[in-house]
Amino acid sequence: MRKVIILPSFEHTAKKLSLSEKKQLAKSLQQFNTFLITGSLPIGLGFKKINHDKYEFRVGLRLRVIVKVEADIYYLVLVGSHQDIKRYLNKFR
């Protein structure tokens, strides 16, 4: 069974989003949850591998979510812009 764990870093970055971005995030998280349950990738989610144990998916044109995968555990790490994602990846390779 797959399990999702929300890290404090994700909560911290999500709190900084505008109301419309939070609505987009909620929709993308719902699509991500559907993907984990069914195994079928929703169109537009853009779930892709970015390094050996980290993946990302789209929240909108500007935002992405970083997911770290260990076995059947999915850690929601960060929500942010492309620059935020690059900074995170440079720091935690």
PDB file of N, CA and C in Angstrom:
ATOM      1  N   MET A   1       0.837  -1.182   0.000  1.00  0.00           N
ATOM      2  CA  MET A   1       0.000   0.000   0.000  1.00  0.00           C
ATOM      3  C   MET A   1       0.886   1.251   0.000  1.00  0.00           C
ATOM      4  N   ARG A   2       0.541   2.198  -0.818  1.00  0.00           N
ATOM      5  CA  ARG A   2       1.307   3.438  -0.901  1.00  0.00           C
ATOM      6  C   ARG A   2       0.868   4.403   0.192  1.00  0.00           C
ATOM      7  N   LYS A   3       1.857   5.107   0.733  1.00  0.00           N
ATOM      8  CA  LYS A   3       1.601   6.044   1.820  1.00  0.00           C
ATOM      9  C   LYS A   3       2.200   7.397   1.453  1.00  0.00           C
ATOM     10  N   VAL A   4       1.490   8.480   1.772  1.00  0.00           N
ATOM     11  CA  VAL A   4       1.967   9.839   1.508  1.00  0.00           C
ATOM     12  C   VAL A   4       2.240  10.521   2.841  1.00  0.00           C
ATOM     13  N   ILE A   5       3.436  11.091   2.967  1.00  0.00           N
ATOM     14  CA  ILE A   5       3.817  11.825   4.168  1.00  0.00           C
ATOM     15  C   ILE A   5       4.139  13.262   3.767  1.00  0.00           C
ATOM     16  N   ILE A   6       3.521  14.202   4.450  1.00  0.00           N
ATOM     17  CA  ILE A   6       3.742  15.623   4.184  1.00  0.00           C
ATOM     18  C   ILE A   6       4.832  16.126   5.130  1.00  0.00           C
ATOM     19  N   LEU A   7       5.921  16.579   4.556  1.00  0.00           N
ATOM     20  CA  LEU A   7       7.035  17.087   5.355  1.00  0.00           C
ATOM     21  C   LEU A   7       6.788  18.540   5.757  1.00  0.00           C
ATOM     22  N   PRO A   8       7.397  18.980   6.868  1.00  0.00           N
ATOM     23  CA  PRO A   8       7.249  20.380   7.298  1.00  0.00           C
ATOM     24  C   PRO A   8       7.691  21.387   6.229  1.00  0.00           C
ATOM     25  N   SER A   9       8.685  21.032   5.431  1.00  0.00           N
ATOM     26  CA  SER A   9       9.146  21.929   4.370  1.00  0.00           C
ATOM     27  C   SER A   9       8.042  22.172   3.337  1.00  0.00           C
ATOM     28  N   PHE A  10       7.246  21.142   3.064  1.00  0.00           N
ATOM     29  CA  PHE A  10       6.122  21.291   2.132  1.00  0.00           C
ATOM     30  C   PHE A  10       5.059  22.208   2.734  1.00  0.00           C
ATOM     31  N   GLU A  11       4.718  21.977   3.987  1.00  0.00           N
ATOM     32  CA  GLU A  11       3.718  22.818   4.655  1.00  0.00           C
ATOM     33  C   GLU A  11       4.167  24.275   4.684  1.00  0.00           C
ATOM     34  N   HIS A  12       5.436  24.486   4.976  1.00  0.00           N
ATOM     35  CA  HIS A  12       5.988  25.846   5.051  1.00  0.00           C
ATOM     36  C   HIS A  12       5.877  26.567   3.704  1.00  0.00           C
ATOM     37  N   THR A  13       6.247  25.880   2.620  1.00  0.00           N
ATOM     38  CA  THR A  13       6.195  26.523   1.303  1.00  0.00           C
ATOM     39  C   THR A  13       4.758  26.668   0.815  1.00  0.00           C
ATOM     40  N   ALA A  14       3.884  25.749   1.175  1.00  0.00           N
ATOM     41  CA  ALA A  14       2.480  25.836   0.748  1.00  0.00           C
ATOM     42  C   ALA A  14       1.769  27.016   1.409  1.00  0.00           C
ATOM     43  N   LYS A  15       2.148  27.330   2.641  1.00  0.00           N
ATOM     44  CA  LYS A  15       1.519  28.452   3.353  1.00  0.00           C
ATOM     45  C   LYS A  15       1.792  29.782   2.666  1.00  0.00           C
ATOM     46  N   LYS A  16       2.887  29.876   1.937  1.00  0.00           N
ATOM     47  CA  LYS A  16       3.273  31.123   1.279  1.00  0.00           C
ATOM     48  C   LYS A  16       2.517  31.376  -0.028  1.00  0.00           C
ATOM     49  N   LEU A  17       1.759  30.394  -0.504  1.00  0.00           N
ATOM     50  CA  LEU A  17       1.061  30.530  -1.780  1.00  0.00           C
ATOM     51  C   LEU A  17      -0.151  31.441  -1.660  1.00  0.00           C
ATOM     52  N   SER A  18      -0.514  32.039  -2.780  1.00  0.00           N
ATOM     53  CA  SER A  18      -1.733  32.847  -2.823  1.00  0.00           C
ATOM     54  C   SER A  18      -2.945  31.917  -2.785  1.00  0.00           C
ATOM     55  N   LEU A  19      -4.117  32.479  -2.599  1.00  0.00           N
ATOM     56  CA  LEU A  19      -5.342  31.688  -2.526  1.00  0.00           C
ATOM     57  C   LEU A  19      -5.583  30.903  -3.818  1.00  0.00           C
ATOM     58  N   SER A  20      -5.373  31.545  -4.958  1.00  0.00           N
ATOM     59  CA  SER A  20      -5.583  30.852  -6.239  1.00  0.00           C
ATOM     60  C   SER A  20      -4.554  29.737  -6.434  1.00  0.00           C
ATOM     61  N   GLU A  21      -3.319  29.968  -5.999  1.00  0.00           N
ATOM     62  CA  GLU A  21      -2.288  28.922  -6.096  1.00  0.00           C
ATOM     63  C   GLU A  21      -2.614  27.755  -5.170  1.00  0.00           C
ATOM     64  N   LYS A  22      -3.166  28.050  -4.002  1.00  0.00           N
ATOM     65  CA  LYS A  22      -3.566  26.978  -3.076  1.00  0.00           C
ATOM     66  C   LYS A  22      -4.686  26.134  -3.671  1.00  0.00           C
ATOM     67  N   LYS A  23      -5.605  26.760  -4.409  1.00  0.00           N
ATOM     68  CA  LYS A  23      -6.670  26.012  -5.078  1.00  0.00           C
ATOM     69  C   LYS A  23      -6.092  25.115  -6.167  1.00  0.00           C
ATOM     70  N   GLN A  24      -5.133  25.645  -6.928  1.00  0.00           N
ATOM     71  CA  GLN A  24      -4.464  24.842  -7.959  1.00  0.00           C
ATOM     72  C   GLN A  24      -3.723  23.675  -7.316  1.00  0.00           C
ATOM     73  N   LEU A  25      -3.061  23.941  -6.193  1.00  0.00           N
ATOM     74  CA  LEU A  25      -2.329  22.901  -5.480  1.00  0.00           C
ATOM     75  C   LEU A  25      -3.279  21.797  -5.016  1.00  0.00           C
ATOM     76  N   ALA A  26      -4.420  22.174  -4.475  1.00  0.00           N
ATOM     77  CA  ALA A  26      -5.401  21.189  -4.007  1.00  0.00           C
ATOM     78  C   ALA A  26      -5.864  20.298  -5.156  1.00  0.00           C
ATOM     79  N   LYS A  27      -6.101  20.891  -6.317  1.00  0.00           N
ATOM     80  CA  LYS A  27      -6.524  20.118  -7.489  1.00  0.00           C
ATOM     81  C   LYS A  27      -5.424  19.153  -7.933  1.00  0.00           C
ATOM     82  N   SER A  28      -4.182  19.624  -7.962  1.00  0.00           N
ATOM     83  CA  SER A  28      -3.057  18.771  -8.368  1.00  0.00           C
ATOM     84  C   SER A  28      -2.823  17.649  -7.361  1.00  0.00           C
ATOM     85  N   LEU A  29      -2.968  17.945  -6.073  1.00  0.00           N
ATOM     86  CA  LEU A  29      -2.803  16.905  -5.062  1.00  0.00           C
ATOM     87  C   LEU A  29      -3.896  15.851  -5.182  1.00  0.00           C
ATOM     88  N   GLN A  30      -5.092  16.263  -5.548  1.00  0.00           N
ATOM     89  CA  GLN A  30      -6.172  15.310  -5.767  1.00  0.00           C
ATOM     90  C   GLN A  30      -5.845  14.403  -6.958  1.00  0.00           C
ATOM     91  N   GLN A  31      -5.307  14.980  -8.033  1.00  0.00           N
ATOM     92  CA  GLN A  31      -4.894  14.190  -9.192  1.00  0.00           C
ATOM     93  C   GLN A  31      -3.757  13.238  -8.823  1.00  0.00           C
ATOM     94  N   PHE A  32      -2.819  13.716  -8.014  1.00  0.00           N
ATOM     95  CA  PHE A  32      -1.703  12.876  -7.568  1.00  0.00           C
ATOM     96  C   PHE A  32      -2.229  11.706  -6.738  1.00  0.00           C
ATOM     97  N   ASN A  33      -3.182  11.971  -5.867  1.00  0.00           N
ATOM     98  CA  ASN A  33      -3.791  10.915  -5.052  1.00  0.00           C
ATOM     99  C   ASN A  33      -4.475   9.878  -5.947  1.00  0.00           C
ATOM    100  N   THR A  34      -5.180  10.335  -6.960  1.00  0.00           N
ATOM    101  CA  THR A  34      -5.826   9.428  -7.913  1.00  0.00           C
ATOM    102  C   THR A  34      -4.789   8.563  -8.611  1.00  0.00           C
ATOM    103  N   PHE A  35      -3.677   9.163  -8.991  1.00  0.00           N
ATOM    104  CA  PHE A  35      -2.580   8.427  -9.617  1.00  0.00           C
ATOM    105  C   PHE A  35      -2.057   7.335  -8.681  1.00  0.00           C
ATOM    106  N   LEU A  36      -1.876   7.653  -7.400  1.00  0.00           N
ATOM    107  CA  LEU A  36      -1.361   6.660  -6.454  1.00  0.00           C
ATOM    108  C   LEU A  36      -2.343   5.515  -6.246  1.00  0.00           C
ATOM    109  N   ILE A  37      -3.633   5.820  -6.270  1.00  0.00           N
ATOM    110  CA  ILE A  37      -4.647   4.787  -6.045  1.00  0.00           C
ATOM    111  C   ILE A  37      -4.824   3.904  -7.278  1.00  0.00           C
ATOM    112  N   THR A  38      -4.948   4.535  -8.455  1.00  0.00           N
ATOM    113  CA  THR A  38      -5.265   3.785  -9.675  1.00  0.00           C
ATOM    114  C   THR A  38      -4.041   3.351 -10.472  1.00  0.00           C
ATOM    115  N   GLY A  39      -2.943   4.084 -10.338  1.00  0.00           N
ATOM    116  CA  GLY A  39      -1.761   3.798 -11.136  1.00  0.00           C
ATOM    117  C   GLY A  39      -1.838   4.423 -12.524  1.00  0.00           C
ATOM    118  N   SER A  40      -2.950   5.081 -12.825  1.00  0.00           N
ATOM    119  CA  SER A  40      -3.149   5.737 -14.106  1.00  0.00           C
ATOM    120  C   SER A  40      -2.780   7.214 -13.968  1.00  0.00           C
ATOM    121  N   LEU A  41      -1.851   7.657 -14.791  1.00  0.00           N
ATOM    122  CA  LEU A  41      -1.360   9.034 -14.707  1.00  0.00           C
ATOM    123  C   LEU A  41      -2.337   9.995 -15.369  1.00  0.00           C
ATOM    124  N   PRO A  42      -2.911  10.936 -14.608  1.00  0.00           N
ATOM    125  CA  PRO A  42      -3.843  11.906 -15.196  1.00  0.00           C
ATOM    126  C   PRO A  42      -3.137  12.818 -16.197  1.00  0.00           C
ATOM    127  N   ILE A  43      -3.858  13.180 -17.242  1.00  0.00           N
ATOM    128  CA  ILE A  43      -3.315  14.087 -18.256  1.00  0.00           C
ATOM    129  C   ILE A  43      -3.069  15.447 -17.615  1.00  0.00           C
ATOM    130  N   GLY A  44      -1.905  16.007 -17.851  1.00  0.00           N
ATOM    131  CA  GLY A  44      -1.589  17.338 -17.353  1.00  0.00           C
ATOM    132  C   GLY A  44      -0.855  17.360 -16.025  1.00  0.00           C
ATOM    133  N   LEU A  45      -0.786  16.220 -15.329  1.00  0.00           N
ATOM    134  CA  LEU A  45      -0.088  16.212 -14.045  1.00  0.00           C
ATOM    135  C   LEU A  45       1.416  16.348 -14.243  1.00  0.00           C
ATOM    136  N   GLY A  46       1.934  15.740 -15.296  1.00  0.00           N
ATOM    137  CA  GLY A  46       3.352  15.890 -15.621  1.00  0.00           C
ATOM    138  C   GLY A  46       4.278  15.258 -14.606  1.00  0.00           C
ATOM    139  N   PHE A  47       3.885  14.133 -14.030  1.00  0.00           N
ATOM    140  CA  PHE A  47       4.706  13.446 -13.035  1.00  0.00           C
ATOM    141  C   PHE A  47       5.931  12.876 -13.732  1.00  0.00           C
ATOM    142  N   LYS A  48       7.124  13.317 -13.301  1.00  0.00           N
ATOM    143  CA  LYS A  48       8.348  12.826 -13.942  1.00  0.00           C
ATOM    144  C   LYS A  48       9.497  12.757 -12.943  1.00  0.00           C
ATOM    145  N   LYS A  49      10.442  11.887 -13.256  1.00  0.00           N
ATOM    146  CA  LYS A  49      11.628  11.696 -12.422  1.00  0.00           C
ATOM    147  C   LYS A  49      12.619  12.814 -12.693  1.00  0.00           C
ATOM    148  N   ILE A  50      13.196  13.399 -11.604  1.00  0.00           N
ATOM    149  CA  ILE A  50      14.182  14.456 -11.799  1.00  0.00           C
ATOM    150  C   ILE A  50      15.559  14.068 -11.283  1.00  0.00           C
ATOM    151  N   ASN A  51      15.636  13.066 -10.437  1.00  0.00           N
ATOM    152  CA  ASN A  51      16.909  12.413 -10.115  1.00  0.00           C
ATOM    153  C   ASN A  51      16.600  11.051  -9.501  1.00  0.00           C
ATOM    154  N   HIS A  52      17.550  10.385  -8.894  1.00  0.00           N
ATOM    155  CA  HIS A  52      17.387   8.975  -8.551  1.00  0.00           C
ATOM    156  C   HIS A  52      16.207   8.658  -7.632  1.00  0.00           C
ATOM    157  N   ASP A  53      15.830   9.525  -6.713  1.00  0.00           N
ATOM    158  CA  ASP A  53      14.697   9.227  -5.828  1.00  0.00           C
ATOM    159  C   ASP A  53      13.695  10.366  -5.725  1.00  0.00           C
ATOM    160  N   LYS A  54      13.853  11.378  -6.573  1.00  0.00           N
ATOM    161  CA  LYS A  54      12.958  12.541  -6.513  1.00  0.00           C
ATOM    162  C   LYS A  54      12.210  12.718  -7.827  1.00  0.00           C
ATOM    163  N   TYR A  55      10.951  13.093  -7.676  1.00  0.00           N
ATOM    164  CA  TYR A  55      10.067  13.316  -8.809  1.00  0.00           C
ATOM    165  C   TYR A  55       9.418  14.682  -8.647  1.00  0.00           C
ATOM    166  N   GLU A  56       8.792  15.149  -9.716  1.00  0.00           N
ATOM    167  CA  GLU A  56       8.039  16.399  -9.625  1.00  0.00           C
ATOM    168  C   GLU A  56       6.742  16.236 -10.389  1.00  0.00           C
ATOM    169  N   PHE A  57       5.756  17.047 -10.006  1.00  0.00           N
ATOM    170  CA  PHE A  57       4.543  17.167 -10.811  1.00  0.00           C
ATOM    171  C   PHE A  57       4.095  18.613 -10.819  1.00  0.00           C
ATOM    172  N   ARG A  58       3.291  18.942 -11.838  1.00  0.00           N
ATOM    173  CA  ARG A  58       2.860  20.318 -12.070  1.00  0.00           C
ATOM    174  C   ARG A  58       1.696  20.720 -11.172  1.00  0.00           C
ATOM    175  N   VAL A  59       1.739  21.960 -10.748  1.00  0.00           N
ATOM    176  CA  VAL A  59       0.600  22.564 -10.065  1.00  0.00           C
ATOM    177  C   VAL A  59      -0.053  23.562 -11.021  1.00  0.00           C
ATOM    178  N   GLY A  60       0.716  24.141 -11.872  1.00  0.00           N
ATOM    179  CA  GLY A  60       0.248  25.104 -12.871  1.00  0.00           C
ATOM    180  C   GLY A  60       1.414  25.416 -13.775  1.00  0.00           C
ATOM    181  N   LEU A  61       1.338  26.530 -14.467  1.00  0.00           N
ATOM    182  CA  LEU A  61       2.451  26.899 -15.337  1.00  0.00           C
ATOM    183  C   LEU A  61       3.692  27.262 -14.543  1.00  0.00           C
ATOM    184  N   ARG A  62       3.503  27.830 -13.362  1.00  0.00           N
ATOM    185  CA  ARG A  62       4.619  28.366 -12.602  1.00  0.00           C
ATOM    186  C   ARG A  62       5.088  27.470 -11.458  1.00  0.00           C
ATOM    187  N   LEU A  63       4.228  26.642 -10.916  1.00  0.00           N
ATOM    188  CA  LEU A  63       4.555  25.886  -9.703  1.00  0.00           C
ATOM    189  C   LEU A  63       4.739  24.393  -9.948  1.00  0.00           C
ATOM    190  N   ARG A  64       5.608  23.802  -9.140  1.00  0.00           N
ATOM    191  CA  ARG A  64       5.862  22.363  -9.166  1.00  0.00           C
ATOM    192  C   ARG A  64       5.905  21.842  -7.732  1.00  0.00           C
ATOM    193  N   VAL A  65       5.686  20.550  -7.583  1.00  0.00           N
ATOM    194  CA  VAL A  65       5.796  19.884  -6.290  1.00  0.00           C
ATOM    195  C   VAL A  65       6.889  18.835  -6.402  1.00  0.00           C
ATOM    196  N   ILE A  66       7.797  18.804  -5.416  1.00  0.00           N
ATOM    197  CA  ILE A  66       8.846  17.791  -5.340  1.00  0.00           C
ATOM    198  C   ILE A  66       8.345  16.654  -4.454  1.00  0.00           C
ATOM    199  N   VAL A  67       8.509  15.429  -4.946  1.00  0.00           N
ATOM    200  CA  VAL A  67       8.115  14.234  -4.210  1.00  0.00           C
ATOM    201  C   VAL A  67       9.334  13.324  -4.112  1.00  0.00           C
ATOM    202  N   LYS A  68       9.672  12.911  -2.892  1.00  0.00           N
ATOM    203  CA  LYS A  68      10.756  11.958  -2.691  1.00  0.00           C
ATOM    204  C   LYS A  68      10.119  10.591  -2.466  1.00  0.00           C
ATOM    205  N   VAL A  69      10.616   9.583  -3.179  1.00  0.00           N
ATOM    206  CA  VAL A  69      10.018   8.257  -3.119  1.00  0.00           C
ATOM    207  C   VAL A  69      11.003   7.273  -2.493  1.00  0.00           C
ATOM    208  N   GLU A  70      10.539   6.578  -1.471  1.00  0.00           N
ATOM    209  CA  GLU A  70      11.297   5.495  -0.844  1.00  0.00           C
ATOM    210  C   GLU A  70      10.353   4.313  -0.694  1.00  0.00           C
ATOM    211  N   ALA A  71      10.596   3.269  -1.487  1.00  0.00           N
ATOM    212  CA  ALA A  71       9.727   2.088  -1.521  1.00  0.00           C
ATOM    213  C   ALA A  71       8.306   2.540  -1.869  1.00  0.00           C
ATOM    214  N   ASP A  72       7.346   2.301  -0.984  1.00  0.00           N
ATOM    215  CA  ASP A  72       5.959   2.719  -1.226  1.00  0.00           C
ATOM    216  C   ASP A  72       5.583   3.952  -0.426  1.00  0.00           C
ATOM    217  N   ILE A  73       6.564   4.732  -0.006  1.00  0.00           N
ATOM    218  CA  ILE A  73       6.307   5.956   0.749  1.00  0.00           C
ATOM    219  C   ILE A  73       6.660   7.154  -0.129  1.00  0.00           C
ATOM    220  N   TYR A  74       5.705   8.054  -0.250  1.00  0.00           N
ATOM    221  CA  TYR A  74       5.866   9.269  -1.052  1.00  0.00           C
ATOM    222  C   TYR A  74       5.889  10.457  -0.110  1.00  0.00           C
ATOM    223  N   TYR A  75       7.024  11.153  -0.065  1.00  0.00           N
ATOM    224  CA  TYR A  75       7.187  12.320   0.796  1.00  0.00           C
ATOM    225  C   TYR A  75       6.954  13.580  -0.033  1.00  0.00           C
ATOM    226  N   LEU A  76       5.981  14.398   0.355  1.00  0.00           N
ATOM    227  CA  LEU A  76       5.786  15.700  -0.282  1.00  0.00           C
ATOM    228  C   LEU A  76       6.796  16.644   0.351  1.00  0.00           C
ATOM    229  N   VAL A  77       7.770  17.084  -0.435  1.00  0.00           N
ATOM    230  CA  VAL A  77       8.917  17.819   0.082  1.00  0.00           C
ATOM    231  C   VAL A  77       8.765  19.324  -0.041  1.00  0.00           C
ATOM    232  N   LEU A  78       8.337  19.801  -1.198  1.00  0.00           N
ATOM    233  CA  LEU A  78       8.406  21.228  -1.497  1.00  0.00           C
ATOM    234  C   LEU A  78       7.414  21.578  -2.592  1.00  0.00           C
ATOM    235  N   VAL A  79       6.820  22.739  -2.499  1.00  0.00           N
ATOM    236  CA  VAL A  79       6.047  23.307  -3.605  1.00  0.00           C
ATOM    237  C   VAL A  79       6.665  24.668  -3.904  1.00  0.00           C
ATOM    238  N   GLY A  80       6.989  24.894  -5.177  1.00  0.00           N
ATOM    239  CA  GLY A  80       7.631  26.153  -5.514  1.00  0.00           C
ATOM    240  C   GLY A  80       7.825  26.332  -7.006  1.00  0.00           C
ATOM    241  N   SER A  81       8.496  27.413  -7.346  1.00  0.00           N
ATOM    242  CA  SER A  81       8.779  27.759  -8.739  1.00  0.00           C
ATOM    243  C   SER A  81       9.935  26.904  -9.263  1.00  0.00           C
ATOM    244  N   HIS A  82      10.223  27.066 -10.540  1.00  0.00           N
ATOM    245  CA  HIS A  82      11.349  26.347 -11.133  1.00  0.00           C
ATOM    246  C   HIS A  82      12.656  26.693 -10.413  1.00  0.00           C
ATOM    247  N   GLN A  83      12.824  27.958 -10.047  1.00  0.00           N
ATOM    248  CA  GLN A  83      14.037  28.380  -9.336  1.00  0.00           C
ATOM    249  C   GLN A  83      14.119  27.730  -7.956  1.00  0.00           C
ATOM    250  N   ASP A  84      12.993  27.630  -7.252  1.00  0.00           N
ATOM    251  CA  ASP A  84      12.970  26.963  -5.942  1.00  0.00           C
ATOM    252  C   ASP A  84      13.378  25.504  -6.076  1.00  0.00           C
ATOM    253  N   ILE A  85      12.890  24.861  -7.127  1.00  0.00           N
ATOM    254  CA  ILE A  85      13.204  23.452  -7.374  1.00  0.00           C
ATOM    255  C   ILE A  85      14.699  23.296  -7.661  1.00  0.00           C
ATOM    256  N   LYS A  86      15.251  24.172  -8.502  1.00  0.00           N
ATOM    257  CA  LYS A  86      16.685  24.111  -8.819  1.00  0.00           C
ATOM    258  C   LYS A  86      17.536  24.303  -7.566  1.00  0.00           C
ATOM    259  N   ARG A  87      17.165  25.267  -6.723  1.00  0.00           N
ATOM    260  CA  ARG A  87      17.916  25.498  -5.480  1.00  0.00           C
ATOM    261  C   ARG A  87      17.874  24.264  -4.586  1.00  0.00           C
ATOM    262  N   TYR A  88      16.706  23.655  -4.469  1.00  0.00           N
ATOM    263  CA  TYR A  88      16.555  22.458  -3.647  1.00  0.00           C
ATOM    264  C   TYR A  88      17.426  21.324  -4.180  1.00  0.00           C
ATOM    265  N   LEU A  89      17.386  21.100  -5.482  1.00  0.00           N
ATOM    266  CA  LEU A  89      18.147  20.007  -6.085  1.00  0.00           C
ATOM    267  C   LEU A  89      19.651  20.238  -5.949  1.00  0.00           C
ATOM    268  N   ASN A  90      20.106  21.483  -6.076  1.00  0.00           N
ATOM    269  CA  ASN A  90      21.529  21.771  -5.910  1.00  0.00           C
ATOM    270  C   ASN A  90      21.979  21.524  -4.470  1.00  0.00           C
ATOM    271  N   LYS A  91      21.086  21.771  -3.534  1.00  0.00           N
ATOM    272  CA  LYS A  91      21.404  21.601  -2.129  1.00  0.00           C
ATOM    273  C   LYS A  91      21.361  20.135  -1.698  1.00  0.00           C
ATOM    274  N   PHE A  92      20.401  19.363  -2.224  1.00  0.00           N
ATOM    275  CA  PHE A  92      20.174  17.980  -1.780  1.00  0.00           C
ATOM    276  C   PHE A  92      20.298  16.999  -2.938  1.00  0.00           C
ATOM    277  N   ARG A  93      21.432  16.862  -3.492  1.00  0.00           N
ATOM    278  CA  ARG A  93      21.641  15.900  -4.590  1.00  0.00           C
ATOM    279  C   ARG A  93      21.835  14.524  -4.084  1.00  0.00           C
TER     280      ARG A  93
END
